[in-house]
Amino acid sequence: MMGYNMMSYGILGSGMMVAMVLWGIVLLAGVFLACYGIFRLGRKQNETGDNALERLKMRFASGEISQEEYAERKQLLQG
């Protein structure tokens, strides 16, 4: 009767090692995609806020809104 140790094929054979490597790659890819999505979402929100402020500046410059309205809305947009 032959015993099995860490380096022998055991029950699952060398497929266990392949599965662990593939699972590690999938896990790392998931972490990367989550981080990428979070940073991308944050960047889009900043662009949206900047875009609203730019439109507000254009409306003030063209005379559509008064200085008081501009100051009030700018404060709201900047938080």
Protein backbone atom coordinates (compact mmCIF):
# COMPACT_ATOMS: atom_id res chain seq x y z
CA MET A 1 0.00 0.00 0.00
CA MET A 2 1.35 3.35 -0.99
CA GLY A 3 0.80 6.51 1.08
CA TYR A 4 0.15 9.96 -0.30
CA ASN A 5 2.02 13.07 0.69
CA MET A 6 1.76 16.77 -0.28
CA MET A 7 3.70 16.26 -3.50
CA SER A 8 1.84 13.20 -4.78
CA TYR A 9 -1.30 13.34 -6.85
CA GLY A 10 -3.69 12.34 -4.09
CA ILE A 11 -7.44 12.39 -4.69
CA LEU A 12 -7.65 15.37 -7.06
CA GLY A 13 -4.31 15.04 -8.76
CA SER A 14 -2.54 18.03 -10.19
CA GLY A 15 -5.90 19.58 -11.04
CA MET A 16 -6.07 20.99 -7.52
CA MET A 17 -3.06 23.20 -8.18
CA VAL A 18 -4.48 24.38 -11.52
CA ALA A 19 -7.83 25.17 -9.89
CA MET A 20 -6.12 27.20 -7.14
CA VAL A 21 -4.15 29.24 -9.68
CA LEU A 22 -7.26 29.88 -11.79
CA TRP A 23 -9.27 30.85 -8.71
CA GLY A 24 -6.51 33.27 -7.71
CA ILE A 25 -6.58 34.88 -11.16
CA VAL A 26 -10.36 35.22 -11.02
CA LEU A 27 -10.16 36.74 -7.54
CA LEU A 28 -7.48 39.26 -8.57
CA ALA A 29 -9.45 40.20 -11.68
CA GLY A 30 -12.55 40.78 -9.54
CA VAL A 31 -10.65 43.04 -7.14
CA PHE A 32 -9.15 44.97 -10.06
CA LEU A 33 -12.54 45.45 -11.73
CA ALA A 34 -14.15 46.57 -8.47
CA CYS A 35 -11.41 49.17 -7.87
CA TYR A 36 -11.60 50.34 -11.48
CA GLY A 37 -15.37 50.74 -11.23
CA ILE A 38 -15.17 52.68 -7.97
CA PHE A 39 -12.55 55.10 -9.30
CA ARG A 40 -14.37 55.51 -12.60
CA LEU A 41 -17.66 56.25 -10.83
CA GLY A 42 -15.96 58.83 -8.63
CA ARG A 43 -14.40 60.51 -11.64
CA LYS A 44 -17.76 60.67 -13.44
CA GLN A 45 -19.43 62.28 -10.43
CA ASN A 46 -16.73 64.97 -10.31
CA GLU A 47 -17.13 65.64 -14.03
CA THR A 48 -20.89 65.98 -13.60
CA GLY A 49 -20.44 68.48 -10.77
CA ASP A 50 -17.91 70.46 -12.78
CA ASN A 51 -20.23 70.42 -15.78
CA ALA A 52 -23.09 71.86 -13.70
CA LEU A 53 -20.83 74.60 -12.35
CA GLU A 54 -19.68 75.45 -15.88
CA ARG A 55 -23.30 75.73 -17.06
CA LEU A 56 -24.06 77.97 -14.08
CA LYS A 57 -21.11 80.21 -14.96
CA MET A 58 -22.31 80.43 -18.57
CA ARG A 59 -25.84 81.38 -17.48
CA PHE A 60 -24.46 84.09 -15.20
CA ALA A 61 -22.13 85.39 -17.92
CA SER A 62 -24.96 85.60 -20.45
CA GLY A 63 -27.18 87.47 -17.97
CA GLU A 64 -29.81 84.74 -17.54
CA ILE A 65 -29.44 84.78 -13.75
CA SER A 66 -28.60 87.50 -11.24
CA GLN A 67 -25.50 87.66 -9.07
CA GLU A 68 -27.53 86.58 -6.02
CA GLU A 69 -28.92 83.55 -7.85
CA TYR A 70 -25.43 82.68 -9.09
CA ALA A 71 -23.93 82.87 -5.59
CA GLU A 72 -26.76 80.82 -4.07
CA ARG A 73 -26.65 78.07 -6.69
CA LYS A 74 -22.85 77.94 -6.69
CA GLN A 75 -22.90 77.38 -2.93
CA LEU A 76 -25.45 74.58 -3.36
CA LEU A 77 -23.36 72.89 -6.04
CA GLN A 78 -20.13 73.08 -4.06
CA GLY A 79 -21.80 71.69 -0.97
